[in-house]
């Protein structure tokens, strides 16, 4: 999908092709160099903004004291006293909402965000279910 900021490259690309077709190889190469430098700058800015987004997605300081188990319940939007049936129900709803196969018409960035959310939801569910079954085994023995 072409982003709006990449549309600025189209006139330069057209000028490059025009110069090359008309036989002015030198001007064509100059415009091709400008085009390459601009595209490299777009890519560099995109990578730096992606790194900034990852840093923003880190756990805020006020939530860092929360244990992994409590964080799992926060991810699913449940309280720690929720029953296994509630955990399964919420997981099914969230998994259906964020599953990668349901985002066919999303942009690449939206699809990537949805996949990351689905993975976090699945991992939180797995940890909760594992800890609950481990707690139940301790009780039965």
C-alpha atoms as a PDB file:
ATOM      1  CA  UNK A   1       0.000   0.000   0.000  1.00  0.00           C
ATOM      2  CA  UNK A   2       1.434   3.357  -1.022  1.00  0.00           C
ATOM      3  CA  UNK A   3       1.584   5.888   1.758  1.00  0.00           C
ATOM      4  CA  UNK A   4       0.930   9.548   1.117  1.00  0.00           C
ATOM      5  CA  UNK A   5       4.499  10.549   1.935  1.00  0.00           C
ATOM      6  CA  UNK A   6       5.806   8.249  -0.818  1.00  0.00           C
ATOM      7  CA  UNK A   7       3.748  10.043  -3.483  1.00  0.00           C
ATOM      8  CA  UNK A   8       6.354  12.816  -3.570  1.00  0.00           C
ATOM      9  CA  UNK A   9       8.695  10.327  -5.195  1.00  0.00           C
ATOM     10  CA  UNK A  10       6.452   9.869  -8.238  1.00  0.00           C
ATOM     11  CA  UNK A  11       7.330  13.165 -10.012  1.00  0.00           C
ATOM     12  CA  UNK A  12      11.036  12.523  -9.491  1.00  0.00           C
ATOM     13  CA  UNK A  13      10.631   8.992 -10.816  1.00  0.00           C
ATOM     14  CA  UNK A  14       8.758  10.353 -13.847  1.00  0.00           C
ATOM     15  CA  UNK A  15      11.495  12.932 -14.494  1.00  0.00           C
ATOM     16  CA  UNK A  16      14.148  10.221 -14.182  1.00  0.00           C
ATOM     17  CA  UNK A  17      12.389   8.014 -16.713  1.00  0.00           C
ATOM     18  CA  UNK A  18      11.849  10.995 -19.026  1.00  0.00           C
ATOM     19  CA  UNK A  19      15.550  11.908 -19.003  1.00  0.00           C
ATOM     20  CA  UNK A  20      16.654   8.315 -19.524  1.00  0.00           C
ATOM     21  CA  UNK A  21      14.202   7.765 -22.398  1.00  0.00           C
ATOM     22  CA  UNK A  22      15.167  11.050 -24.060  1.00  0.00           C
ATOM     23  CA  UNK A  23      18.803   9.995 -24.048  1.00  0.00           C
ATOM     24  CA  UNK A  24      20.126  12.263 -21.320  1.00  0.00           C
ATOM     25  CA  UNK A  25      21.705   9.542 -19.210  1.00  0.00           C
ATOM     26  CA  UNK A  26      23.597  11.980 -16.952  1.00  0.00           C
ATOM     27  CA  UNK A  27      20.463  13.858 -15.855  1.00  0.00           C
ATOM     28  CA  UNK A  28      18.638  10.536 -15.525  1.00  0.00           C
ATOM     29  CA  UNK A  29      21.343   9.244 -13.188  1.00  0.00           C
ATOM     30  CA  UNK A  30      21.272  12.452 -11.152  1.00  0.00           C
ATOM     31  CA  UNK A  31      17.517  12.201 -10.685  1.00  0.00           C
ATOM     32  CA  UNK A  32      17.815   8.488  -9.910  1.00  0.00           C
ATOM     33  CA  UNK A  33      20.370   9.335  -7.217  1.00  0.00           C
ATOM     34  CA  UNK A  34      18.038  11.964  -5.752  1.00  0.00           C
ATOM     35  CA  UNK A  35      15.187   9.465  -5.833  1.00  0.00           C
ATOM     36  CA  UNK A  36      17.275   6.821  -4.062  1.00  0.00           C
ATOM     37  CA  UNK A  37      18.440   9.245  -1.381  1.00  0.00           C
ATOM     38  CA  UNK A  38      14.902  10.436  -0.699  1.00  0.00           C
ATOM     39  CA  UNK A  39      13.580   6.882  -0.454  1.00  0.00           C
ATOM     40  CA  UNK A  40      16.442   5.900   1.869  1.00  0.00           C
ATOM     41  CA  UNK A  41      15.542   8.876   4.053  1.00  0.00           C
ATOM     42  CA  UNK A  42      11.889   7.745   4.140  1.00  0.00           C
ATOM     43  CA  UNK A  43      12.983   4.263   5.186  1.00  0.00           C
ATOM     44  CA  UNK A  44      15.315   5.612   7.863  1.00  0.00           C
ATOM     45  CA  UNK A  45      12.579   7.812   9.303  1.00  0.00           C
ATOM     46  CA  UNK A  46      10.163   4.883   9.250  1.00  0.00           C
ATOM     47  CA  UNK A  47      12.584   2.666  11.157  1.00  0.00           C
ATOM     48  CA  UNK A  48      13.314   5.346  13.744  1.00  0.00           C
ATOM     49  CA  UNK A  49       9.591   5.963  14.281  1.00  0.00           C
ATOM     50  CA  UNK A  50       9.042   2.202  14.661  1.00  0.00           C
ATOM     51  CA  UNK A  51      11.733   2.113  17.368  1.00  0.00           C
ATOM     52  CA  UNK A  52      10.083   5.054  19.129  1.00  0.00           C
ATOM     53  CA  UNK A  53       6.736   3.234  19.055  1.00  0.00           C
ATOM     54  CA  UNK A  54       8.315   0.143  20.577  1.00  0.00           C
ATOM     55  CA  UNK A  55       9.787   2.245  23.378  1.00  0.00           C
ATOM     56  CA  UNK A  56       6.372   3.812  23.999  1.00  0.00           C
ATOM     57  CA  UNK A  57       4.788   0.347  24.259  1.00  0.00           C
ATOM     58  CA  UNK A  58       6.979  -0.596  27.200  1.00  0.00           C
ATOM     59  CA  UNK A  59       5.282  -1.092  30.527  1.00  0.00           C
ATOM     60  CA  UNK A  60       4.721   2.238  32.292  1.00  0.00           C
ATOM     61  CA  UNK A  61       6.623   2.738  35.579  1.00  0.00           C
ATOM     62  CA  UNK A  62       3.439   2.652  37.641  1.00  0.00           C
ATOM     63  CA  UNK A  63       2.652  -0.844  36.309  1.00  0.00           C
ATOM     64  CA  UNK A  64       6.166  -2.295  36.562  1.00  0.00           C
ATOM     65  CA  UNK A  65       5.627  -3.523  40.129  1.00  0.00           C
ATOM     66  CA  UNK A  66       2.750  -5.733  38.984  1.00  0.00           C
ATOM     67  CA  UNK A  67       3.692  -9.393  38.772  1.00  0.00           C
ATOM     68  CA  UNK A  68       3.464 -11.288  35.500  1.00  0.00           C
ATOM     69  CA  UNK A  69       0.337 -13.056  36.722  1.00  0.00           C
ATOM     70  CA  UNK A  70      -1.443  -9.780  37.499  1.00  0.00           C
ATOM     71  CA  UNK A  71      -0.301  -8.374  34.172  1.00  0.00           C
ATOM     72  CA  UNK A  72      -1.841 -11.370  32.423  1.00  0.00           C
ATOM     73  CA  UNK A  73      -5.183 -10.592  34.010  1.00  0.00           C
ATOM     74  CA  UNK A  74      -4.816  -6.939  32.974  1.00  0.00           C
ATOM     75  CA  UNK A  75      -4.162  -7.986  29.372  1.00  0.00           C
ATOM     76  CA  UNK A  76      -7.360 -10.028  29.337  1.00  0.00           C
ATOM     77  CA  UNK A  77      -9.267  -7.355  31.243  1.00  0.00           C
ATOM     78  CA  UNK A  78     -10.105  -9.669  34.152  1.00  0.00           C
ATOM     79  CA  UNK A  79      -9.610  -9.596  37.883  1.00  0.00           C
ATOM     80  CA  UNK A  80      -7.524 -12.361  39.499  1.00  0.00           C
ATOM     81  CA  UNK A  81     -10.615 -13.876  41.121  1.00  0.00           C
ATOM     82  CA  UNK A  82     -12.170 -14.675  37.721  1.00  0.00           C
ATOM     83  CA  UNK A  83     -13.267 -18.256  37.190  1.00  0.00           C
ATOM     84  CA  UNK A  84     -11.752 -20.531  34.545  1.00  0.00           C
ATOM     85  CA  UNK A  85     -14.966 -20.277  32.538  1.00  0.00           C
ATOM     86  CA  UNK A  86     -14.680 -16.472  32.512  1.00  0.00           C
ATOM     87  CA  UNK A  87     -11.027 -16.678  31.470  1.00  0.00           C
ATOM     88  CA  UNK A  88     -11.904 -19.016  28.592  1.00  0.00           C
ATOM     89  CA  UNK A  89     -14.855 -16.870  27.489  1.00  0.00           C
ATOM     90  CA  UNK A  90     -12.860 -13.623  27.469  1.00  0.00           C
ATOM     91  CA  UNK A  91      -9.951 -15.338  25.710  1.00  0.00           C
ATOM     92  CA  UNK A  92     -12.231 -16.700  22.973  1.00  0.00           C
ATOM     93  CA  UNK A  93     -13.758 -13.262  22.374  1.00  0.00           C
ATOM     94  CA  UNK A  94     -10.401 -11.463  22.290  1.00  0.00           C
ATOM     95  CA  UNK A  95      -8.763 -14.151  20.169  1.00  0.00           C
ATOM     96  CA  UNK A  96     -11.587 -13.948  17.642  1.00  0.00           C
ATOM     97  CA  UNK A  97     -11.265 -10.183  17.554  1.00  0.00           C
ATOM     98  CA  UNK A  98      -7.471 -10.014  17.154  1.00  0.00           C
ATOM     99  CA  UNK A  99      -6.719 -13.258  15.292  1.00  0.00           C
ATOM    100  CA  UNK A 100      -4.443 -12.619  12.285  1.00  0.00           C
ATOM    101  CA  UNK A 101      -6.836 -14.389   9.903  1.00  0.00           C
ATOM    102  CA  UNK A 102      -9.609 -11.887  10.645  1.00  0.00           C
ATOM    103  CA  UNK A 103      -7.561  -8.867   9.515  1.00  0.00           C
ATOM    104  CA  UNK A 104      -7.508  -9.479   5.762  1.00  0.00           C
ATOM    105  CA  UNK A 105      -8.452  -5.916   4.901  1.00  0.00           C
ATOM    106  CA  UNK A 106      -6.200  -4.146   7.387  1.00  0.00           C
ATOM    107  CA  UNK A 107      -3.104  -2.192   6.454  1.00  0.00           C
ATOM    108  CA  UNK A 108       0.276  -3.765   7.146  1.00  0.00           C
ATOM    109  CA  UNK A 109       0.792  -1.697  10.286  1.00  0.00           C
ATOM    110  CA  UNK A 110      -2.679  -2.505  11.612  1.00  0.00           C
ATOM    111  CA  UNK A 111      -2.176  -6.203  10.840  1.00  0.00           C
ATOM    112  CA  UNK A 112       1.171  -6.210  12.652  1.00  0.00           C
ATOM    113  CA  UNK A 113      -0.382  -4.509  15.691  1.00  0.00           C
ATOM    114  CA  UNK A 114      -3.255  -6.986  15.673  1.00  0.00           C
ATOM    115  CA  UNK A 115      -0.854  -9.944  15.484  1.00  0.00           C
ATOM    116  CA  UNK A 116       1.191  -8.589  18.407  1.00  0.00           C
ATOM    117  CA  UNK A 117      -1.972  -8.109  20.453  1.00  0.00           C
ATOM    118  CA  UNK A 118      -3.106 -11.642  19.620  1.00  0.00           C
ATOM    119  CA  UNK A 119       0.234 -13.078  20.734  1.00  0.00           C
ATOM    120  CA  UNK A 120       0.104 -11.159  24.031  1.00  0.00           C
ATOM    121  CA  UNK A 121      -3.470 -12.338  24.619  1.00  0.00           C
ATOM    122  CA  UNK A 122      -2.583 -15.957  23.866  1.00  0.00           C
ATOM    123  CA  UNK A 123       0.516 -15.897  26.083  1.00  0.00           C
ATOM    124  CA  UNK A 124      -1.434 -14.319  28.953  1.00  0.00           C
ATOM    125  CA  UNK A 125      -4.171 -16.944  28.605  1.00  0.00           C
ATOM    126  CA  UNK A 126      -1.640 -19.781  28.505  1.00  0.00           C
ATOM    127  CA  UNK A 127       0.155 -18.515  31.632  1.00  0.00           C
ATOM    128  CA  UNK A 128      -3.113 -18.113  33.530  1.00  0.00           C
ATOM    129  CA  UNK A 129      -4.355 -21.559  32.533  1.00  0.00           C
ATOM    130  CA  UNK A 130      -0.986 -23.138  33.340  1.00  0.00           C
ATOM    131  CA  UNK A 131      -0.826 -21.497  36.768  1.00  0.00           C
ATOM    132  CA  UNK A 132      -4.444 -22.443  37.525  1.00  0.00           C
ATOM    133  CA  UNK A 133      -3.931 -26.083  36.542  1.00  0.00           C
ATOM    134  CA  UNK A 134      -0.672 -26.171  38.513  1.00  0.00           C
ATOM    135  CA  UNK A 135      -2.518 -24.752  41.546  1.00  0.00           C
ATOM    136  CA  UNK A 136      -5.229 -27.389  41.174  1.00  0.00           C
ATOM    137  CA  UNK A 137      -2.663 -30.212  40.980  1.00  0.00           C
ATOM    138  CA  UNK A 138      -1.060 -28.962  44.187  1.00  0.00           C
ATOM    139  CA  UNK A 139      -4.410 -29.043  45.919  1.00  0.00           C
ATOM    140  CA  UNK A 140      -5.390 -32.539  44.751  1.00  0.00           C
ATOM    141  CA  UNK A 141      -2.190 -34.235  45.918  1.00  0.00           C
END
